[in-house]
Amino acid sequence: MKIRAATKADLGEVFRLELGGFGEHGYPDFFIRQALDLWPGTLLVAESEAGLVGYALGSMGEAKEQGWILSLAVDERQRGMGIGKALLQRLLAELAQRGCCEQRLTVHPNNPAAGLYRSLGFEFETEEPDYFGPGEPRQVLLRRG
């Protein structure tokens, strides 16, 4: 498996992964296209013999030292193989290289990926009960370092 920066040619597959992972809460295709322009080094893809099998998107927050993990999606058939972890580790390193000594993300309290995030040093910061609207809670996790 190879992790690399995304290109325009990858955008259709990135959008497919986003929809597969997040459905109605996924980012629209035009946002992903704009993310490539805004944050080209923090839109990463995982590529294997099967094609694109995952992607991760990060950005800097309002303060330069704050980074955000905006999305992490792995093809349903490829989950449990370490792809998400590898993408996240590479994205965290990229954000740190850009001066982000804190990284945040949001996750549904029942999302099994929360275990991955905690294994990489993310800790509970706060919970918002209606993050995406009524009945759509998300935990905000924080990682320092």
N, C-alpha and C. Protein backbone atom coordinates (compact mmCIF):
# COMPACT_ATOMS: atom_id res chain seq x y z
N MET A 1 0.84 -1.18 0.00
CA MET A 1 0.00 0.00 0.00
C MET A 1 0.89 1.24 0.00
N LYS A 2 0.45 2.23 -0.75
CA LYS A 2 1.18 3.49 -0.86
C LYS A 2 0.26 4.62 -0.41
N ILE A 3 0.79 5.52 0.42
CA ILE A 3 0.05 6.71 0.82
C ILE A 3 0.72 7.89 0.13
N ARG A 4 -0.11 8.71 -0.51
CA ARG A 4 0.41 9.85 -1.26
C ARG A 4 -0.60 10.98 -1.25
N ALA A 5 -0.15 12.15 -1.67
CA ALA A 5 -1.05 13.28 -1.82
C ALA A 5 -2.03 13.00 -2.95
N ALA A 6 -3.26 13.41 -2.77
CA ALA A 6 -4.28 13.21 -3.80
C ALA A 6 -4.03 14.12 -4.99
N THR A 7 -4.54 13.72 -6.14
CA THR A 7 -4.49 14.51 -7.36
C THR A 7 -5.93 14.70 -7.86
N LYS A 8 -6.09 15.55 -8.86
CA LYS A 8 -7.42 15.74 -9.45
C LYS A 8 -8.00 14.42 -9.95
N ALA A 9 -7.15 13.57 -10.49
CA ALA A 9 -7.61 12.29 -11.03
C ALA A 9 -8.21 11.39 -9.94
N ASP A 10 -7.88 11.63 -8.69
CA ASP A 10 -8.37 10.81 -7.58
C ASP A 10 -9.72 11.25 -7.04
N LEU A 11 -10.19 12.42 -7.41
CA LEU A 11 -11.32 13.03 -6.73
C LEU A 11 -12.61 12.20 -6.81
N GLY A 12 -12.87 11.56 -7.91
CA GLY A 12 -14.06 10.71 -8.02
C GLY A 12 -14.03 9.56 -7.02
N GLU A 13 -12.90 8.93 -6.88
CA GLU A 13 -12.76 7.82 -5.93
C GLU A 13 -12.79 8.32 -4.49
N VAL A 14 -12.20 9.48 -4.23
CA VAL A 14 -12.26 10.05 -2.89
C VAL A 14 -13.71 10.32 -2.51
N PHE A 15 -14.49 10.87 -3.44
CA PHE A 15 -15.90 11.14 -3.17
C PHE A 15 -16.66 9.83 -2.93
N ARG A 16 -16.36 8.79 -3.69
CA ARG A 16 -17.00 7.48 -3.47
C ARG A 16 -16.70 6.98 -2.06
N LEU A 17 -15.47 7.10 -1.63
CA LEU A 17 -15.10 6.67 -0.27
C LEU A 17 -15.81 7.50 0.79
N GLU A 18 -15.92 8.80 0.54
CA GLU A 18 -16.60 9.70 1.48
C GLU A 18 -18.07 9.29 1.63
N LEU A 19 -18.75 9.06 0.52
CA LEU A 19 -20.16 8.64 0.58
C LEU A 19 -20.30 7.29 1.26
N GLY A 20 -19.40 6.37 0.95
CA GLY A 20 -19.45 5.05 1.56
C GLY A 20 -19.24 5.08 3.06
N GLY A 21 -18.44 6.02 3.52
CA GLY A 21 -18.15 6.11 4.95
C GLY A 21 -19.13 6.95 5.74
N PHE A 22 -19.70 7.97 5.08
CA PHE A 22 -20.48 8.94 5.86
C PHE A 22 -21.88 9.20 5.34
N GLY A 23 -22.25 8.67 4.19
CA GLY A 23 -23.60 8.83 3.68
C GLY A 23 -24.05 10.28 3.65
N GLU A 24 -25.20 10.54 4.25
CA GLU A 24 -25.77 11.89 4.20
C GLU A 24 -24.94 12.94 4.92
N HIS A 25 -24.04 12.51 5.81
CA HIS A 25 -23.18 13.47 6.51
C HIS A 25 -21.84 13.67 5.81
N GLY A 26 -21.68 13.05 4.64
CA GLY A 26 -20.43 13.19 3.90
C GLY A 26 -20.30 14.56 3.26
N TYR A 27 -19.06 14.91 2.99
CA TYR A 27 -18.80 16.16 2.29
C TYR A 27 -19.25 16.03 0.83
N PRO A 28 -19.79 17.12 0.25
CA PRO A 28 -20.16 17.07 -1.17
C PRO A 28 -18.92 17.08 -2.06
N ASP A 29 -19.09 16.62 -3.27
CA ASP A 29 -17.95 16.52 -4.19
C ASP A 29 -17.26 17.86 -4.44
N PHE A 30 -18.02 18.95 -4.49
CA PHE A 30 -17.38 20.25 -4.73
C PHE A 30 -16.49 20.67 -3.56
N PHE A 31 -16.85 20.27 -2.33
CA PHE A 31 -16.00 20.58 -1.19
C PHE A 31 -14.67 19.83 -1.30
N ILE A 32 -14.74 18.57 -1.67
CA ILE A 32 -13.52 17.77 -1.79
C ILE A 32 -12.62 18.38 -2.88
N ARG A 33 -13.22 18.85 -3.96
CA ARG A 33 -12.44 19.51 -5.01
C ARG A 33 -11.77 20.76 -4.47
N GLN A 34 -12.50 21.55 -3.70
CA GLN A 34 -11.92 22.76 -3.14
C GLN A 34 -10.86 22.43 -2.09
N ALA A 35 -11.05 21.35 -1.35
CA ALA A 35 -10.05 20.93 -0.36
C ALA A 35 -8.71 20.64 -1.03
N LEU A 36 -8.76 20.06 -2.22
CA LEU A 36 -7.52 19.80 -2.96
C LEU A 36 -6.78 21.10 -3.26
N ASP A 37 -7.53 22.15 -3.60
CA ASP A 37 -6.90 23.45 -3.87
C ASP A 37 -6.40 24.12 -2.59
N LEU A 38 -7.19 24.03 -1.52
CA LEU A 38 -6.85 24.73 -0.28
C LEU A 38 -5.77 24.04 0.53
N TRP A 39 -5.82 22.72 0.61
CA TRP A 39 -4.93 21.96 1.48
C TRP A 39 -4.33 20.77 0.73
N PRO A 40 -3.61 20.99 -0.35
CA PRO A 40 -3.16 19.87 -1.19
C PRO A 40 -2.30 18.84 -0.47
N GLY A 41 -1.50 19.24 0.47
CA GLY A 41 -0.65 18.28 1.17
C GLY A 41 -1.34 17.54 2.29
N THR A 42 -2.57 17.92 2.60
CA THR A 42 -3.29 17.24 3.69
C THR A 42 -4.54 16.54 3.18
N LEU A 43 -4.63 16.34 1.88
CA LEU A 43 -5.62 15.45 1.29
C LEU A 43 -4.84 14.27 0.76
N LEU A 44 -4.87 13.18 1.52
CA LEU A 44 -4.04 12.01 1.25
C LEU A 44 -4.89 10.83 0.82
N VAL A 45 -4.33 9.98 -0.01
CA VAL A 45 -5.02 8.75 -0.42
C VAL A 45 -4.13 7.55 -0.15
N ALA A 46 -4.78 6.42 0.09
CA ALA A 46 -4.10 5.13 0.23
C ALA A 46 -4.42 4.33 -1.02
N GLU A 47 -3.39 3.86 -1.67
CA GLU A 47 -3.54 3.16 -2.94
C GLU A 47 -2.95 1.76 -2.82
N SER A 48 -3.69 0.78 -3.31
CA SER A 48 -3.20 -0.60 -3.33
C SER A 48 -3.47 -1.17 -4.72
N GLU A 49 -3.22 -2.45 -4.88
CA GLU A 49 -3.49 -3.11 -6.15
C GLU A 49 -4.97 -2.99 -6.52
N ALA A 50 -5.83 -2.85 -5.51
CA ALA A 50 -7.27 -2.73 -5.72
C ALA A 50 -7.70 -1.32 -6.09
N GLY A 51 -6.76 -0.38 -6.16
CA GLY A 51 -7.08 1.02 -6.44
C GLY A 51 -7.03 1.84 -5.17
N LEU A 52 -7.78 2.93 -5.13
CA LEU A 52 -7.82 3.76 -3.92
C LEU A 52 -8.69 3.06 -2.89
N VAL A 53 -8.11 2.86 -1.71
CA VAL A 53 -8.82 2.12 -0.67
C VAL A 53 -9.09 2.95 0.57
N GLY A 54 -8.61 4.20 0.58
CA GLY A 54 -8.87 5.06 1.71
C GLY A 54 -8.37 6.46 1.44
N TYR A 55 -8.86 7.38 2.26
CA TYR A 55 -8.37 8.75 2.16
C TYR A 55 -8.51 9.45 3.49
N ALA A 56 -7.73 10.50 3.65
CA ALA A 56 -7.79 11.32 4.87
C ALA A 56 -7.64 12.78 4.45
N LEU A 57 -8.33 13.64 5.19
CA LEU A 57 -8.27 15.08 4.92
C LEU A 57 -8.08 15.82 6.22
N GLY A 58 -7.12 16.71 6.23
CA GLY A 58 -6.87 17.55 7.39
C GLY A 58 -6.71 19.00 6.99
N SER A 59 -6.71 19.85 7.99
CA SER A 59 -6.55 21.28 7.75
C SER A 59 -6.04 21.95 9.01
N MET A 60 -5.56 23.16 8.85
CA MET A 60 -5.19 23.96 10.00
C MET A 60 -6.42 24.71 10.46
N GLY A 61 -6.52 24.92 11.78
CA GLY A 61 -7.63 25.65 12.35
C GLY A 61 -7.38 27.14 12.34
N GLU A 62 -8.18 27.85 13.11
CA GLU A 62 -8.08 29.30 13.17
C GLU A 62 -6.69 29.74 13.64
N ALA A 63 -6.18 29.05 14.66
CA ALA A 63 -4.83 29.32 15.14
C ALA A 63 -3.88 28.34 14.45
N LYS A 64 -2.71 28.82 14.06
CA LYS A 64 -1.76 28.00 13.29
C LYS A 64 -1.40 26.69 13.99
N GLU A 65 -1.38 26.69 15.31
CA GLU A 65 -0.98 25.47 16.02
C GLU A 65 -2.10 24.44 16.13
N GLN A 66 -3.29 24.77 15.65
CA GLN A 66 -4.43 23.85 15.73
C GLN A 66 -4.66 23.19 14.38
N GLY A 67 -4.57 21.88 14.36
CA GLY A 67 -4.90 21.12 13.16
C GLY A 67 -6.20 20.37 13.37
N TRP A 68 -6.88 20.09 12.29
CA TRP A 68 -8.13 19.34 12.33
C TRP A 68 -8.07 18.17 11.38
N ILE A 69 -8.56 17.03 11.84
CA ILE A 69 -8.79 15.89 10.97
C ILE A 69 -10.23 16.03 10.52
N LEU A 70 -10.44 16.33 9.25
CA LEU A 70 -11.79 16.58 8.75
C LEU A 70 -12.49 15.32 8.28
N SER A 71 -11.73 14.37 7.76
CA SER A 71 -12.34 13.14 7.28
C SER A 71 -11.30 12.04 7.19
N LEU A 72 -11.76 10.83 7.47
CA LEU A 72 -10.95 9.63 7.32
C LEU A 72 -11.91 8.53 6.89
N ALA A 73 -11.69 7.99 5.72
CA ALA A 73 -12.59 6.95 5.21
C ALA A 73 -11.79 5.84 4.55
N VAL A 74 -12.19 4.63 4.83
CA VAL A 74 -11.55 3.44 4.25
C VAL A 74 -12.65 2.60 3.60
N ASP A 75 -12.36 2.08 2.43
CA ASP A 75 -13.31 1.22 1.73
C ASP A 75 -13.78 0.11 2.68
N GLU A 76 -15.06 -0.10 2.69
CA GLU A 76 -15.67 -1.07 3.61
C GLU A 76 -15.01 -2.45 3.52
N ARG A 77 -14.62 -2.87 2.34
CA ARG A 77 -14.01 -4.20 2.15
C ARG A 77 -12.56 -4.26 2.63
N GLN A 78 -11.97 -3.10 2.93
CA GLN A 78 -10.56 -3.04 3.31
C GLN A 78 -10.35 -2.67 4.78
N ARG A 79 -11.43 -2.52 5.52
CA ARG A 79 -11.30 -2.09 6.92
C ARG A 79 -10.66 -3.20 7.77
N GLY A 80 -9.99 -2.77 8.83
CA GLY A 80 -9.34 -3.71 9.73
C GLY A 80 -7.97 -4.15 9.26
N MET A 81 -7.43 -3.51 8.24
CA MET A 81 -6.14 -3.90 7.68
C MET A 81 -5.05 -2.87 7.97
N GLY A 82 -5.36 -1.86 8.80
CA GLY A 82 -4.36 -0.86 9.16
C GLY A 82 -4.29 0.33 8.22
N ILE A 83 -5.18 0.40 7.25
CA ILE A 83 -5.15 1.50 6.28
C ILE A 83 -5.49 2.83 6.95
N GLY A 84 -6.55 2.84 7.74
CA GLY A 84 -6.95 4.05 8.44
C GLY A 84 -5.86 4.55 9.37
N LYS A 85 -5.24 3.64 10.08
CA LYS A 85 -4.16 4.01 10.99
C LYS A 85 -2.99 4.63 10.24
N ALA A 86 -2.60 3.99 9.12
CA ALA A 86 -1.48 4.50 8.33
C ALA A 86 -1.80 5.89 7.76
N LEU A 87 -3.01 6.07 7.25
CA LEU A 87 -3.40 7.38 6.74
C LEU A 87 -3.38 8.43 7.84
N LEU A 88 -3.94 8.09 8.98
CA LEU A 88 -4.01 9.05 10.08
C LEU A 88 -2.61 9.40 10.59
N GLN A 89 -1.73 8.43 10.71
CA GLN A 89 -0.37 8.71 11.16
C GLN A 89 0.34 9.64 10.18
N ARG A 90 0.18 9.41 8.91
CA ARG A 90 0.82 10.27 7.89
C ARG A 90 0.23 11.68 7.95
N LEU A 91 -1.10 11.77 8.11
CA LEU A 91 -1.74 13.08 8.18
C LEU A 91 -1.32 13.84 9.43
N LEU A 92 -1.23 13.16 10.57
CA LEU A 92 -0.77 13.81 11.80
C LEU A 92 0.66 14.32 11.64
N ALA A 93 1.51 13.55 10.99
CA ALA A 93 2.89 13.98 10.75
C ALA A 93 2.92 15.21 9.84
N GLU A 94 2.07 15.22 8.83
CA GLU A 94 2.01 16.37 7.92
C GLU A 94 1.54 17.62 8.66
N LEU A 95 0.52 17.48 9.49
CA LEU A 95 0.03 18.63 10.26
C LEU A 95 1.10 19.12 11.25
N ALA A 96 1.79 18.20 11.90
CA ALA A 96 2.85 18.58 12.83
C ALA A 96 3.96 19.33 12.11
N GLN A 97 4.31 18.87 10.91
CA GLN A 97 5.35 19.53 10.12
C GLN A 97 4.94 20.96 9.77
N ARG A 98 3.66 21.21 9.70
CA ARG A 98 3.14 22.56 9.39
C ARG A 98 2.95 23.40 10.66
N GLY A 99 3.37 22.86 11.81
CA GLY A 99 3.31 23.62 13.04
C GLY A 99 2.10 23.37 13.91
N CYS A 100 1.28 22.40 13.55
CA CYS A 100 0.08 22.09 14.35
C CYS A 100 0.46 21.15 15.48
N CYS A 101 0.66 21.70 16.66
CA CYS A 101 1.04 20.88 17.81
C CYS A 101 -0.20 20.33 18.53
N GLU A 102 -1.37 20.74 18.12
CA GLU A 102 -2.64 20.18 18.61
C GLU A 102 -3.45 19.73 17.40
N GLN A 103 -4.08 18.58 17.52
CA GLN A 103 -4.96 18.12 16.46
C GLN A 103 -6.30 17.73 17.08
N ARG A 104 -7.37 18.07 16.40
CA ARG A 104 -8.71 17.75 16.86
C ARG A 104 -9.46 17.01 15.76
N LEU A 105 -10.49 16.30 16.19
CA LEU A 105 -11.42 15.67 15.27
C LEU A 105 -12.74 15.47 16.00
N THR A 106 -13.78 15.21 15.24
CA THR A 106 -15.06 14.88 15.85
C THR A 106 -15.42 13.46 15.44
N VAL A 107 -16.12 12.77 16.34
CA VAL A 107 -16.51 11.38 16.08
C VAL A 107 -17.81 11.10 16.82
N HIS A 108 -18.68 10.32 16.17
CA HIS A 108 -19.91 9.89 16.83
C HIS A 108 -19.51 9.01 18.01
N PRO A 109 -20.18 9.15 19.16
CA PRO A 109 -19.80 8.37 20.35
C PRO A 109 -19.79 6.86 20.13
N ASN A 110 -20.57 6.35 19.17
CA ASN A 110 -20.64 4.91 18.93
C ASN A 110 -19.77 4.44 17.77
N ASN A 111 -19.00 5.33 17.18
CA ASN A 111 -18.18 4.97 16.04
C ASN A 111 -17.00 4.12 16.50
N PRO A 112 -16.83 2.92 15.95
CA PRO A 112 -15.71 2.07 16.35
C PRO A 112 -14.34 2.69 16.07
N ALA A 113 -14.27 3.66 15.17
CA ALA A 113 -13.00 4.32 14.88
C ALA A 113 -12.47 5.11 16.07
N ALA A 114 -13.33 5.39 17.06
CA ALA A 114 -12.87 6.12 18.25
C ALA A 114 -11.72 5.37 18.93
N GLY A 115 -11.74 4.06 18.89
CA GLY A 115 -10.65 3.26 19.46
C GLY A 115 -9.34 3.52 18.74
N LEU A 116 -9.38 3.63 17.42
CA LEU A 116 -8.18 3.97 16.65
C LEU A 116 -7.66 5.33 17.07
N TYR A 117 -8.55 6.30 17.18
CA TYR A 117 -8.13 7.65 17.55
C TYR A 117 -7.47 7.67 18.93
N ARG A 118 -8.06 6.97 19.86
CA ARG A 118 -7.49 6.92 21.22
C ARG A 118 -6.14 6.22 21.21
N SER A 119 -5.99 5.20 20.39
CA SER A 119 -4.70 4.48 20.33
C SER A 119 -3.58 5.37 19.79
N LEU A 120 -3.95 6.43 19.08
CA LEU A 120 -2.96 7.36 18.54
C LEU A 120 -2.83 8.63 19.37
N GLY A 121 -3.38 8.60 20.58
CA GLY A 121 -3.16 9.70 21.51
C GLY A 121 -4.27 10.72 21.62
N PHE A 122 -5.38 10.53 20.94
CA PHE A 122 -6.50 11.46 21.07
C PHE A 122 -7.24 11.19 22.37
N GLU A 123 -7.64 12.26 23.03
CA GLU A 123 -8.38 12.16 24.29
C GLU A 123 -9.65 12.99 24.20
N PHE A 124 -10.64 12.60 24.97
CA PHE A 124 -11.92 13.31 25.01
C PHE A 124 -11.70 14.75 25.46
N GLU A 125 -12.26 15.69 24.71
CA GLU A 125 -12.21 17.10 25.10
C GLU A 125 -13.61 17.59 25.50
N THR A 126 -14.60 17.33 24.66
CA THR A 126 -15.96 17.76 24.95
C THR A 126 -16.93 16.97 24.09
N GLU A 127 -18.21 17.08 24.39
CA GLU A 127 -19.23 16.47 23.54
C GLU A 127 -20.28 17.51 23.20
N GLU A 128 -20.69 17.49 21.95
CA GLU A 128 -21.77 18.37 21.49
C GLU A 128 -22.94 17.48 21.10
N PRO A 129 -24.07 17.58 21.84
CA PRO A 129 -25.19 16.66 21.61
C PRO A 129 -25.87 16.83 20.25
N ASP A 130 -25.80 18.00 19.64
CA ASP A 130 -26.49 18.24 18.37
C ASP A 130 -25.53 18.80 17.32
N TYR A 131 -24.37 18.23 17.22
CA TYR A 131 -23.31 18.75 16.34
C TYR A 131 -23.79 18.92 14.90
N PHE A 132 -24.47 17.90 14.36
CA PHE A 132 -24.99 17.96 12.99
C PHE A 132 -26.49 18.19 12.96
N GLY A 133 -27.06 18.63 14.07
CA GLY A 133 -28.49 18.83 14.18
C GLY A 133 -29.04 17.97 15.30
N PRO A 134 -30.33 18.08 15.57
CA PRO A 134 -30.94 17.34 16.68
C PRO A 134 -30.66 15.83 16.60
N GLY A 135 -30.20 15.30 17.74
CA GLY A 135 -29.94 13.87 17.83
C GLY A 135 -28.71 13.40 17.09
N GLU A 136 -27.81 14.29 16.75
CA GLU A 136 -26.57 13.94 16.03
C GLU A 136 -25.36 14.33 16.87
N PRO A 137 -25.08 13.58 17.94
CA PRO A 137 -23.98 13.94 18.84
C PRO A 137 -22.62 13.64 18.23
N ARG A 138 -21.65 14.41 18.66
CA ARG A 138 -20.26 14.15 18.30
C ARG A 138 -19.38 14.49 19.49
N GLN A 139 -18.38 13.66 19.67
CA GLN A 139 -17.34 13.96 20.66
C GLN A 139 -16.22 14.68 19.93
N VAL A 140 -15.66 15.69 20.59
CA VAL A 140 -14.47 16.36 20.08
C VAL A 140 -13.29 15.73 20.82
N LEU A 141 -12.36 15.18 20.07
CA LEU A 141 -11.16 14.57 20.62
C LEU A 141 -9.96 15.45 20.31
N LEU A 142 -9.03 15.49 21.24
CA LEU A 142 -7.84 16.34 21.13
C LEU A 142 -6.59 15.51 21.32
N ARG A 143 -5.58 15.81 20.53
CA ARG A 143 -4.26 15.18 20.64
C ARG A 143 -3.24 16.30 20.67
N ARG A 144 -2.34 16.23 21.63
CA ARG A 144 -1.25 17.21 21.72
C ARG A 144 0.07 16.50 21.43
N GLY A 145 0.91 17.22 20.70
CA GLY A 145 2.23 16.65 20.47
C GLY A 145 2.57 16.45 19.04
